[in-house]
Amino acid sequence: MTSIAKTVIATGTSSGLGFEAIKQLLQQTQPYNFILGVRDTEKTRVAYNDLKFDTSKHSVSVLPLDLLNLKSVQSFAKQALSELGERPLSYLFLIAGFLASADGPGPHGSQWCESYMVNHLAQHYLTHQFAETLSASQSRIVIVSSGAIRNVRGGDPSTLDVDLKANSGANARVVYSASKFTQLLGAHYWRRSLANCKVVAVSPGLIPNTKLAQHSSLALTMDMPDAKTVPEGAQNILRAVTADNLPADPEQIFLTSWGEWWPKDVYALSLDPALQDKWCLSKEDIEKSEPVFKE
């Protein structure tokens, strides 16, 4: 009996962990239909075609998506939903990540730095576009997080208002921790807002051989303690896809790179609903506040 194909919409799959995760799923007997949002569509199509996957079983659709431009996010969502049609959406993978200091102006006049835009705001806005479909499909939302969420400057969420602003001068480590923390706030927001869905935040571990740090001065090497290969990191992400041992406590949503569910005290700062709501604006409020929608 042929398995029913599962449909996945994903960001951050043109290279690195995201590409490897999709590659590993394409090697499975379970059929998948992938709708992937990337910046360089032609290069990405070639990369997936070169995998020589079984096209009688799987399909890969590559659509343009620039997470530094919320209008592009809006356009991608419209195209993706059109392509999805009446099929249920099994999974939303939010894999895209960006690491850089907060130097220079924000994208398209935004008050926020690029890392915040990519790591949280754009993918949060994208989830808004799919919210109705996600709820109706009872989808699983897999959000690639990081242990860096523990390193918010001073352990004080009020520093986010400073560090995530465009041209704040905050270094790459500070901005990455802050933006991934707001992303985790978003995971909790969607956990609360989409009761029909399963939301899992997952850390792939320290993976030096990706393009994540290409816009920063950070030197990540395989000599670092606990460093993992790209295939290992992708396997850790996919563990969040298949995990059926979700904790009974709905707030315990963080799967570690070693396969355990982190106790809530590790990310206690992210459990404040008021803080979640502050950093997780509605779709309408994002469109009112971001200058790109006035261009």
Protein backbone atom coordinates (compact mmCIF):
# COMPACT_ATOMS: atom_id res chain seq x y z
CA MET A 1 0.00 0.00 0.00
CA THR A 2 1.42 3.37 -1.04
CA SER A 3 1.86 5.90 1.77
CA ILE A 4 0.03 9.20 1.46
CA ALA A 5 2.48 11.98 0.62
CA LYS A 6 3.17 14.52 3.33
CA THR A 7 3.51 18.17 2.33
CA VAL A 8 6.21 20.38 3.83
CA ILE A 9 6.68 24.14 3.50
CA ALA A 10 10.14 25.22 4.59
CA THR A 11 12.60 28.11 4.84
CA GLY A 12 16.38 27.92 4.95
CA THR A 13 16.79 24.89 2.69
CA SER A 14 19.13 26.10 -0.05
CA SER A 15 22.28 24.93 1.77
CA GLY A 16 23.63 23.72 5.09
CA LEU A 17 21.34 22.14 7.65
CA GLY A 18 18.12 22.83 5.77
CA PHE A 19 19.35 21.33 2.51
CA GLU A 20 20.72 18.29 4.33
CA ALA A 21 17.45 17.77 6.23
CA ILE A 22 15.42 17.78 3.00
CA LYS A 23 18.04 15.53 1.36
CA GLN A 24 17.63 12.99 4.15
CA LEU A 25 13.84 13.05 3.86
CA LEU A 26 14.13 12.51 0.09
CA GLN A 27 15.94 9.26 0.86
CA GLN A 28 13.01 7.90 2.88
CA THR A 29 10.27 5.57 1.68
CA GLN A 30 7.65 8.01 2.98
CA PRO A 31 6.65 10.27 0.04
CA TYR A 32 7.02 14.03 0.49
CA ASN A 33 5.94 17.11 -1.42
CA PHE A 34 8.28 20.00 -0.60
CA ILE A 35 7.53 23.68 -1.16
CA LEU A 36 10.75 25.51 -0.43
CA GLY A 37 11.32 29.26 -0.12
CA VAL A 38 14.85 30.40 -1.05
CA ARG A 39 16.65 33.49 -2.35
CA ASP A 40 18.53 31.85 -5.24
CA THR A 41 15.90 29.69 -6.90
CA GLU A 42 17.91 28.56 -9.94
CA LYS A 43 20.96 27.44 -7.97
CA THR A 44 18.74 25.65 -5.48
CA ARG A 45 16.76 23.83 -8.18
CA VAL A 46 20.00 22.58 -9.67
CA ALA A 47 21.23 21.39 -6.27
CA TYR A 48 18.08 19.36 -5.64
CA ASN A 49 17.98 17.97 -9.19
CA ASP A 50 21.56 16.79 -8.69
CA LEU A 51 20.36 14.59 -5.81
CA LYS A 52 18.62 12.35 -8.36
CA PHE A 53 15.80 11.61 -5.93
CA ASP A 54 12.83 9.43 -6.87
CA THR A 55 10.48 11.85 -8.63
CA SER A 56 7.75 9.21 -8.79
CA LYS A 57 7.60 9.43 -5.00
CA HIS A 58 8.72 12.93 -4.05
CA SER A 59 8.31 16.43 -5.47
CA VAL A 60 10.35 19.57 -4.80
CA SER A 61 9.00 22.99 -5.70
CA VAL A 62 11.37 25.95 -5.25
CA LEU A 63 9.87 29.43 -4.91
CA PRO A 64 11.50 32.85 -4.35
CA LEU A 65 11.68 34.08 -0.76
CA ASP A 66 13.79 36.88 0.70
CA LEU A 67 13.38 37.00 4.47
CA LEU A 68 14.86 40.51 4.57
CA ASN A 69 11.85 41.75 2.62
CA LEU A 70 8.42 41.20 4.19
CA LYS A 71 6.71 41.84 0.86
CA SER A 72 8.66 38.88 -0.50
CA VAL A 73 7.43 36.84 2.47
CA GLN A 74 3.88 37.84 1.62
CA SER A 75 4.35 36.90 -2.03
CA PHE A 76 5.94 33.55 -1.20
CA ALA A 77 3.10 32.66 1.14
CA LYS A 78 0.53 33.42 -1.55
CA GLN A 79 2.36 31.25 -4.09
CA ALA A 80 2.91 28.45 -1.60
CA LEU A 81 -0.75 28.36 -0.58
CA SER A 82 -1.81 28.34 -4.23
CA GLU A 83 0.49 25.40 -4.89
CA LEU A 84 -0.69 23.61 -1.76
CA GLY A 85 -4.29 23.83 -2.91
CA GLU A 86 -6.66 21.64 -0.95
CA ARG A 87 -3.95 19.34 0.38
CA PRO A 88 -3.27 19.36 4.11
CA LEU A 89 -0.01 20.93 5.26
CA SER A 90 1.80 18.30 7.30
CA TYR A 91 4.78 20.39 8.41
CA LEU A 92 6.10 23.92 8.48
CA PHE A 93 9.90 23.94 8.87
CA LEU A 94 11.40 27.27 9.97
CA ILE A 95 15.09 26.54 9.48
CA ALA A 96 16.51 29.81 8.13
CA GLY A 97 19.02 31.56 10.37
CA PHE A 98 21.29 34.61 10.22
CA LEU A 99 24.20 35.68 12.40
CA ALA A 100 25.68 39.17 12.17
CA SER A 101 26.30 42.22 14.32
CA ALA A 102 23.70 45.00 14.39
CA ASP A 103 25.62 47.48 12.28
CA GLY A 104 24.06 49.67 9.63
CA PRO A 105 20.44 50.43 8.76
CA GLY A 106 17.62 47.96 8.98
CA PRO A 107 16.31 46.25 5.84
CA HIS A 108 13.90 48.42 3.84
CA GLY A 109 13.93 51.11 6.52
CA SER A 110 12.98 48.79 9.38
CA GLN A 111 13.92 49.85 12.89
CA TRP A 112 15.23 46.29 13.42
CA CYS A 113 18.52 44.67 12.47
CA GLU A 114 18.87 41.96 9.82
CA SER A 115 19.36 39.09 12.28
CA TYR A 116 16.10 39.92 14.03
CA MET A 117 14.31 40.19 10.71
CA VAL A 118 15.46 36.76 9.51
CA ASN A 119 15.53 34.83 12.78
CA HIS A 120 12.19 36.02 14.08
CA LEU A 121 10.10 38.74 12.47
CA ALA A 122 9.95 37.48 8.88
CA GLN A 123 9.34 33.86 9.82
CA HIS A 124 6.76 34.91 12.42
CA TYR A 125 5.02 36.97 9.73
CA LEU A 126 5.20 33.97 7.39
CA THR A 127 3.54 31.76 10.01
CA HIS A 128 0.71 34.29 10.22
CA GLN A 129 0.14 33.80 6.48
CA PHE A 130 -0.27 30.06 6.98
CA ALA A 131 -2.06 30.13 10.34
CA GLU A 132 -5.51 29.13 9.09
CA THR A 133 -4.11 26.29 6.99
CA LEU A 134 -1.84 25.12 9.80
CA SER A 135 -4.76 24.96 12.21
CA ALA A 136 -7.07 23.16 9.78
CA SER A 137 -4.30 20.67 8.91
CA GLN A 138 -3.27 20.13 12.54
CA SER A 139 0.29 20.63 11.33
CA ARG A 140 3.53 20.26 13.18
CA ILE A 141 5.64 23.43 13.26
CA VAL A 142 9.35 22.74 13.64
CA ILE A 143 11.41 25.78 14.64
CA VAL A 144 15.19 25.46 14.54
CA SER A 145 16.35 27.15 17.72
CA SER A 146 19.66 27.29 19.59
CA GLY A 147 21.14 26.92 23.04
CA ALA A 148 22.09 30.58 22.58
CA ILE A 149 18.63 31.50 23.88
CA ARG A 150 20.17 31.16 27.37
CA ASN A 151 22.56 34.05 26.71
CA VAL A 152 20.28 37.09 26.54
CA ARG A 153 22.46 39.97 27.69
CA GLY A 154 22.41 40.26 31.46
CA GLY A 155 19.64 37.67 31.62
CA ASP A 156 17.35 40.66 31.14
CA PRO A 157 14.76 40.65 28.31
CA SER A 158 14.58 44.45 28.43
CA THR A 159 17.98 44.47 26.65
CA LEU A 160 16.24 43.09 23.55
CA ASP A 161 14.75 46.54 22.92
CA VAL A 162 18.28 47.91 22.58
CA ASP A 163 20.32 45.08 21.07
CA LEU A 164 17.94 44.15 18.25
CA LYS A 165 17.59 47.66 16.86
CA ALA A 166 19.25 48.49 13.57
CA ASN A 167 22.66 50.10 14.03
CA SER A 168 22.71 49.31 17.75
CA GLY A 169 26.32 48.16 17.42
CA ALA A 170 25.61 44.98 19.38
CA ASN A 171 28.05 42.24 18.42
CA ALA A 172 27.07 39.08 16.56
CA ARG A 173 26.90 36.83 19.62
CA VAL A 174 24.66 39.26 21.52
CA VAL A 175 22.35 39.78 18.54
CA TYR A 176 22.14 36.08 17.75
CA SER A 177 21.20 35.19 21.32
CA ALA A 178 18.64 37.97 21.45
CA SER A 179 17.05 37.19 18.08
CA LYS A 180 16.89 33.44 18.77
CA PHE A 181 15.30 34.22 22.14
CA THR A 182 12.58 36.25 20.42
CA GLN A 183 12.14 33.36 17.99
CA LEU A 184 11.52 31.07 20.98
CA LEU A 185 8.97 33.58 22.28
CA GLY A 186 7.34 33.12 18.88
CA ALA A 187 7.30 29.35 19.28
CA HIS A 188 5.39 29.78 22.54
CA TYR A 189 3.08 32.33 20.93
CA TRP A 190 2.12 29.85 18.20
CA ARG A 191 1.83 27.04 20.73
CA ARG A 192 -0.79 29.14 22.49
CA SER A 193 -2.46 30.49 19.35
CA LEU A 194 -2.66 27.31 17.26
CA ALA A 195 -4.04 24.78 19.71
CA ASN A 196 -4.60 22.21 16.96
CA CYS A 197 -0.91 22.20 16.03
CA LYS A 198 2.19 20.73 17.61
CA VAL A 199 5.02 23.25 17.97
CA VAL A 200 8.54 21.96 18.57
CA ALA A 201 11.67 24.09 18.99
CA VAL A 202 14.83 22.09 18.37
CA SER A 203 18.55 22.74 18.65
CA PRO A 204 20.69 21.06 15.98
CA GLY A 205 23.79 21.58 18.12
CA LEU A 206 26.99 23.44 17.25
CA ILE A 207 27.42 22.96 13.50
CA PRO A 208 30.51 24.88 12.25
CA ASN A 209 30.33 23.88 8.59
CA THR A 210 27.35 25.97 7.54
CA LYS A 211 27.02 29.50 6.16
CA LEU A 212 25.43 30.80 9.37
CA ALA A 213 28.47 32.80 10.49
CA GLN A 214 29.52 34.06 7.06
CA HIS A 215 28.40 37.61 7.87
CA SER A 216 30.23 37.74 11.19
CA SER A 217 33.77 37.54 12.51
CA LEU A 218 33.01 34.43 14.54
CA ALA A 219 35.32 31.53 13.77
CA LEU A 220 33.47 28.24 14.21
CA THR A 221 35.53 25.08 13.75
CA MET A 222 35.09 21.34 14.14
CA ASP A 223 37.75 21.47 16.88
CA MET A 224 35.25 23.10 19.22
CA PRO A 225 33.79 20.98 22.03
CA ASP A 226 30.52 19.28 21.01
CA ALA A 227 30.88 20.35 17.36
CA LYS A 228 28.75 18.23 15.03
CA THR A 229 28.72 17.62 11.29
CA VAL A 230 25.99 18.97 9.03
CA PRO A 231 24.42 15.49 8.58
CA GLU A 232 24.35 15.05 12.37
CA GLY A 233 22.73 18.46 12.83
CA ALA A 234 20.10 17.66 10.20
CA GLN A 235 19.34 14.37 11.96
CA ASN A 236 18.79 16.33 15.18
CA ILE A 237 16.32 18.61 13.38
CA LEU A 238 14.45 15.65 11.92
CA ARG A 239 14.14 14.14 15.38
CA ALA A 240 11.70 16.98 16.06
CA VAL A 241 9.68 15.87 13.03
CA THR A 242 9.26 12.28 14.15
CA ALA A 243 9.16 12.70 17.95
CA ASP A 244 5.97 11.26 19.37
CA ASN A 245 7.01 11.49 23.01
CA LEU A 246 5.95 15.11 23.40
CA PRO A 247 5.79 16.09 27.08
CA ALA A 248 2.40 16.39 28.75
CA ASP A 249 3.29 19.93 29.86
CA PRO A 250 2.43 22.15 26.85
CA GLU A 251 5.17 24.64 27.78
CA GLN A 252 7.89 22.00 27.47
CA ILE A 253 8.53 22.33 23.73
CA PHE A 254 12.33 22.47 23.41
CA LEU A 255 14.10 19.36 22.08
CA THR A 256 17.86 19.36 22.66
CA SER A 257 20.52 18.23 20.20
CA TRP A 258 21.07 15.12 22.32
CA GLY A 259 17.43 14.12 22.06
CA GLU A 260 16.05 15.14 25.46
CA TRP A 261 13.34 17.63 26.32
CA TRP A 262 14.90 20.57 28.12
CA PRO A 263 13.39 21.30 31.54
CA LYS A 264 11.51 24.60 31.53
CA ASP A 265 13.85 26.29 33.99
CA VAL A 266 16.47 26.45 31.21
CA TYR A 267 14.26 28.80 29.18
CA ALA A 268 12.08 30.19 31.96
CA LEU A 269 12.46 33.77 30.69
CA SER A 270 10.59 32.84 27.50
CA LEU A 271 7.49 31.55 29.32
CA ASP A 272 5.99 34.98 30.10
CA PRO A 273 2.85 35.37 27.92
CA ALA A 274 3.08 39.17 28.11
CA LEU A 275 6.64 39.06 26.77
CA GLN A 276 5.56 36.65 24.04
CA ASP A 277 2.78 38.98 22.98
CA LYS A 278 5.09 41.99 23.01
CA TRP A 279 7.50 40.41 20.52
CA CYS A 280 4.92 38.56 18.44
CA LEU A 281 2.82 41.18 16.71
CA SER A 282 -0.30 40.38 14.73
CA LYS A 283 -0.05 40.29 10.94
CA GLU A 284 -1.89 43.60 10.73
CA ASP A 285 0.37 45.31 13.26
CA ILE A 286 3.49 44.12 11.44
CA GLU A 287 2.14 45.57 8.20
CA LYS A 288 1.34 48.86 9.92
CA SER A 289 4.75 49.16 11.58
CA GLU A 290 7.17 48.03 8.85
CA PRO A 291 8.15 50.70 6.29
CA VAL A 292 8.43 48.17 3.45
CA PHE A 293 4.64 48.08 3.23
CA LYS A 294 4.59 51.83 2.58
CA GLU A 295 7.01 51.66 -0.35
